[in-house]
């Protein structure tokens, strides 16, 4: 039976795009939410298995543009994992 866990990272804007790409490559990410340091949600997007490359390029472009104007932020990652047998 599948389940989810949440994990948060504090990161500087300049490293935001790199970290998002690393998380996507892990493959078990269900949803990523980006918050300003005061907690305000800036962007949230679900990830579906197999949706990468050109379909995800516009989201990465938006993250890159946003990273250029924000300082410190946090990323909340919802991971999917299998529980039980």
N, C-alpha and C. Protein backbone atom coordinates (compact mmCIF):
# COMPACT_ATOMS: atom_id res chain seq x y z
N UNK A 1 0.85 -1.18 0.00
CA UNK A 1 0.00 0.00 0.00
C UNK A 1 0.89 1.24 0.00
N UNK A 2 0.69 2.15 -0.94
CA UNK A 2 1.53 3.34 -1.00
C UNK A 2 1.20 4.33 0.10
N UNK A 3 2.21 5.12 0.48
CA UNK A 3 2.04 6.17 1.47
C UNK A 3 2.88 7.36 1.08
N UNK A 4 2.77 8.44 1.83
CA UNK A 4 3.55 9.62 1.52
C UNK A 4 4.20 10.16 2.79
N UNK A 5 5.33 10.81 2.61
CA UNK A 5 6.00 11.53 3.68
C UNK A 5 6.35 12.91 3.16
N UNK A 6 6.49 13.87 4.08
CA UNK A 6 6.86 15.23 3.69
C UNK A 6 8.22 15.56 4.30
N UNK A 7 8.99 16.31 3.53
CA UNK A 7 10.32 16.72 3.95
C UNK A 7 10.52 18.15 3.48
N UNK A 8 11.16 18.97 4.29
CA UNK A 8 11.39 20.37 3.91
C UNK A 8 12.87 20.69 3.90
N UNK A 9 13.25 21.59 2.99
CA UNK A 9 14.62 22.05 2.85
C UNK A 9 14.63 23.57 2.81
N UNK A 10 15.58 24.20 3.49
CA UNK A 10 15.80 25.64 3.33
C UNK A 10 16.93 25.77 2.32
N UNK A 11 16.76 26.70 1.39
CA UNK A 11 17.72 26.82 0.30
C UNK A 11 17.76 28.26 -0.19
N UNK A 12 18.89 28.66 -0.74
CA UNK A 12 18.98 30.00 -1.32
C UNK A 12 18.43 29.97 -2.74
N UNK A 13 17.93 31.09 -3.20
CA UNK A 13 17.34 31.18 -4.53
C UNK A 13 18.29 30.71 -5.62
N UNK A 14 19.58 31.00 -5.47
CA UNK A 14 20.54 30.63 -6.50
C UNK A 14 20.71 29.12 -6.65
N UNK A 15 20.39 28.36 -5.62
CA UNK A 15 20.50 26.90 -5.68
C UNK A 15 19.16 26.20 -5.88
N UNK A 16 18.09 26.97 -5.99
CA UNK A 16 16.75 26.42 -6.06
C UNK A 16 16.55 25.50 -7.27
N UNK A 17 16.87 25.96 -8.45
CA UNK A 17 16.64 25.17 -9.66
C UNK A 17 17.45 23.88 -9.64
N UNK A 18 18.69 23.96 -9.20
CA UNK A 18 19.54 22.76 -9.11
C UNK A 18 18.92 21.72 -8.17
N UNK A 19 18.44 22.17 -7.01
CA UNK A 19 17.83 21.25 -6.04
C UNK A 19 16.55 20.63 -6.59
N UNK A 20 15.72 21.42 -7.27
CA UNK A 20 14.48 20.90 -7.85
C UNK A 20 14.81 19.81 -8.87
N UNK A 21 15.80 20.06 -9.72
CA UNK A 21 16.19 19.05 -10.71
C UNK A 21 16.68 17.77 -10.05
N UNK A 22 17.47 17.90 -8.98
CA UNK A 22 17.95 16.73 -8.24
C UNK A 22 16.77 15.93 -7.68
N UNK A 23 15.81 16.62 -7.10
CA UNK A 23 14.65 15.95 -6.52
C UNK A 23 13.84 15.22 -7.58
N UNK A 24 13.66 15.85 -8.73
CA UNK A 24 12.89 15.22 -9.81
C UNK A 24 13.58 13.95 -10.29
N UNK A 25 14.92 13.97 -10.37
CA UNK A 25 15.67 12.80 -10.80
C UNK A 25 15.52 11.62 -9.85
N UNK A 26 15.24 11.89 -8.58
CA UNK A 26 15.04 10.81 -7.62
C UNK A 26 13.85 9.93 -7.99
N UNK A 27 12.85 10.52 -8.60
CA UNK A 27 11.74 9.75 -9.14
C UNK A 27 10.61 9.38 -8.19
N UNK A 28 10.77 9.54 -6.89
CA UNK A 28 9.70 9.17 -5.97
C UNK A 28 8.98 10.39 -5.40
N UNK A 29 9.11 11.52 -6.08
CA UNK A 29 8.50 12.76 -5.63
C UNK A 29 7.09 12.87 -6.20
N UNK A 30 6.15 13.17 -5.34
CA UNK A 30 4.75 13.31 -5.75
C UNK A 30 4.36 14.77 -5.96
N UNK A 31 4.89 15.66 -5.10
CA UNK A 31 4.53 17.07 -5.18
C UNK A 31 5.66 17.91 -4.58
N UNK A 32 5.91 19.08 -5.17
CA UNK A 32 6.89 20.02 -4.65
C UNK A 32 6.21 21.36 -4.44
N UNK A 33 6.44 21.96 -3.27
CA UNK A 33 5.89 23.28 -2.96
C UNK A 33 7.04 24.18 -2.55
N UNK A 34 7.07 25.38 -3.10
CA UNK A 34 8.12 26.35 -2.79
C UNK A 34 7.50 27.49 -1.99
N UNK A 35 8.12 27.81 -0.84
CA UNK A 35 7.63 28.87 0.05
C UNK A 35 8.70 29.95 0.22
N UNK A 36 8.25 31.20 0.39
CA UNK A 36 9.15 32.28 0.78
C UNK A 36 9.59 32.01 2.21
N UNK A 37 10.62 32.73 2.66
CA UNK A 37 11.11 32.48 4.02
C UNK A 37 10.08 32.84 5.09
N UNK A 38 9.08 33.69 4.75
CA UNK A 38 8.03 34.02 5.72
C UNK A 38 6.88 33.01 5.71
N UNK A 39 6.99 31.98 4.87
CA UNK A 39 5.99 30.92 4.84
C UNK A 39 4.97 31.03 3.72
N UNK A 40 4.95 32.14 3.01
CA UNK A 40 3.99 32.33 1.92
C UNK A 40 4.32 31.39 0.76
N UNK A 41 3.30 30.67 0.27
CA UNK A 41 3.50 29.74 -0.83
C UNK A 41 3.70 30.51 -2.13
N UNK A 42 4.79 30.19 -2.84
CA UNK A 42 5.09 30.82 -4.12
C UNK A 42 4.63 29.97 -5.28
N UNK A 43 4.83 28.66 -5.18
CA UNK A 43 4.53 27.77 -6.28
C UNK A 43 4.36 26.35 -5.74
N UNK A 44 3.44 25.63 -6.32
CA UNK A 44 3.22 24.24 -5.95
C UNK A 44 2.90 23.48 -7.23
N UNK A 45 3.54 22.33 -7.41
CA UNK A 45 3.25 21.56 -8.61
C UNK A 45 3.38 20.07 -8.33
N UNK A 46 2.43 19.30 -8.86
CA UNK A 46 2.48 17.84 -8.71
C UNK A 46 3.42 17.26 -9.75
N UNK A 47 4.01 16.14 -9.43
CA UNK A 47 4.86 15.42 -10.38
C UNK A 47 4.24 14.06 -10.62
N UNK A 48 4.12 13.71 -11.86
CA UNK A 48 3.58 12.40 -12.21
C UNK A 48 4.71 11.57 -12.80
N UNK A 49 4.69 10.29 -12.54
CA UNK A 49 5.71 9.39 -13.06
C UNK A 49 5.77 9.52 -14.57
N UNK A 50 6.96 9.72 -15.09
CA UNK A 50 7.15 9.82 -16.53
C UNK A 50 6.97 11.20 -17.11
N UNK A 51 6.56 12.19 -16.31
CA UNK A 51 6.37 13.54 -16.83
C UNK A 51 7.64 14.34 -16.55
N UNK A 52 8.55 14.29 -17.49
CA UNK A 52 9.81 15.04 -17.40
C UNK A 52 10.14 15.58 -18.78
N UNK A 53 11.30 16.14 -18.92
CA UNK A 53 11.74 16.61 -20.23
C UNK A 53 10.95 17.80 -20.71
N UNK A 54 10.52 17.74 -21.97
CA UNK A 54 9.86 18.89 -22.59
C UNK A 54 8.54 19.25 -21.92
N UNK A 55 7.84 18.27 -21.36
CA UNK A 55 6.58 18.59 -20.68
C UNK A 55 6.81 19.38 -19.39
N UNK A 56 7.97 19.20 -18.79
CA UNK A 56 8.27 19.87 -17.53
C UNK A 56 9.09 21.13 -17.72
N UNK A 57 9.57 21.38 -18.93
CA UNK A 57 10.43 22.54 -19.22
C UNK A 57 9.81 23.88 -18.82
N UNK A 58 8.52 24.13 -19.09
CA UNK A 58 7.94 25.43 -18.69
C UNK A 58 7.96 25.65 -17.17
N UNK A 59 7.76 24.59 -16.41
CA UNK A 59 7.80 24.71 -14.94
C UNK A 59 9.21 25.05 -14.49
N UNK A 60 10.21 24.38 -15.07
CA UNK A 60 11.60 24.66 -14.72
C UNK A 60 11.98 26.09 -15.10
N UNK A 61 11.48 26.59 -16.22
CA UNK A 61 11.75 27.96 -16.63
C UNK A 61 11.15 28.95 -15.62
N UNK A 62 9.95 28.67 -15.16
CA UNK A 62 9.31 29.54 -14.16
C UNK A 62 10.08 29.52 -12.84
N UNK A 63 10.55 28.34 -12.44
CA UNK A 63 11.34 28.23 -11.21
C UNK A 63 12.64 29.01 -11.36
N UNK A 64 13.28 28.92 -12.51
CA UNK A 64 14.52 29.65 -12.75
C UNK A 64 14.33 31.15 -12.67
N UNK A 65 13.24 31.64 -13.24
CA UNK A 65 12.94 33.07 -13.19
C UNK A 65 12.65 33.52 -11.76
N UNK A 66 11.91 32.70 -11.03
CA UNK A 66 11.57 33.02 -9.65
C UNK A 66 12.82 33.01 -8.78
N UNK A 67 13.71 32.04 -9.02
CA UNK A 67 14.93 31.92 -8.22
C UNK A 67 15.81 33.16 -8.35
N UNK A 68 15.74 33.83 -9.50
CA UNK A 68 16.56 35.01 -9.73
C UNK A 68 16.14 36.19 -8.86
N UNK A 69 14.90 36.21 -8.38
CA UNK A 69 14.41 37.36 -7.63
C UNK A 69 14.17 37.09 -6.14
N UNK A 70 14.24 35.85 -5.72
CA UNK A 70 14.04 35.56 -4.30
C UNK A 70 15.36 35.24 -3.62
N UNK A 71 15.40 35.46 -2.34
CA UNK A 71 16.60 35.13 -1.57
C UNK A 71 16.47 33.73 -1.02
N UNK A 72 16.29 33.65 0.26
CA UNK A 72 16.14 32.35 0.92
C UNK A 72 14.70 31.88 0.78
N UNK A 73 14.53 30.58 0.59
CA UNK A 73 13.19 30.01 0.50
C UNK A 73 13.24 28.60 1.07
N UNK A 74 12.10 27.95 1.10
CA UNK A 74 12.06 26.56 1.53
C UNK A 74 11.27 25.74 0.52
N UNK A 75 11.65 24.49 0.41
CA UNK A 75 10.99 23.55 -0.49
C UNK A 75 10.38 22.47 0.37
N UNK A 76 9.12 22.17 0.18
CA UNK A 76 8.49 21.03 0.84
C UNK A 76 8.24 19.98 -0.22
N UNK A 77 8.72 18.79 0.06
CA UNK A 77 8.64 17.69 -0.89
C UNK A 77 7.75 16.59 -0.32
N UNK A 78 6.78 16.17 -1.10
CA UNK A 78 5.92 15.06 -0.72
C UNK A 78 6.42 13.84 -1.49
N UNK A 79 6.93 12.86 -0.74
CA UNK A 79 7.49 11.66 -1.36
C UNK A 79 6.51 10.51 -1.27
N UNK A 80 6.49 9.71 -2.30
CA UNK A 80 5.66 8.52 -2.32
C UNK A 80 6.54 7.33 -2.00
N UNK A 81 6.04 6.47 -1.14
CA UNK A 81 6.80 5.26 -0.81
C UNK A 81 5.85 4.10 -0.60
N UNK A 82 6.38 2.93 -0.73
CA UNK A 82 5.59 1.71 -0.53
C UNK A 82 5.65 1.31 0.94
N UNK A 83 4.52 0.93 1.50
CA UNK A 83 4.47 0.39 2.86
C UNK A 83 3.88 -0.99 2.79
N UNK A 84 4.35 -1.84 3.64
CA UNK A 84 3.84 -3.22 3.64
C UNK A 84 4.45 -4.03 2.52
N UNK A 85 3.86 -5.18 2.27
CA UNK A 85 4.38 -6.07 1.21
C UNK A 85 3.34 -6.32 0.17
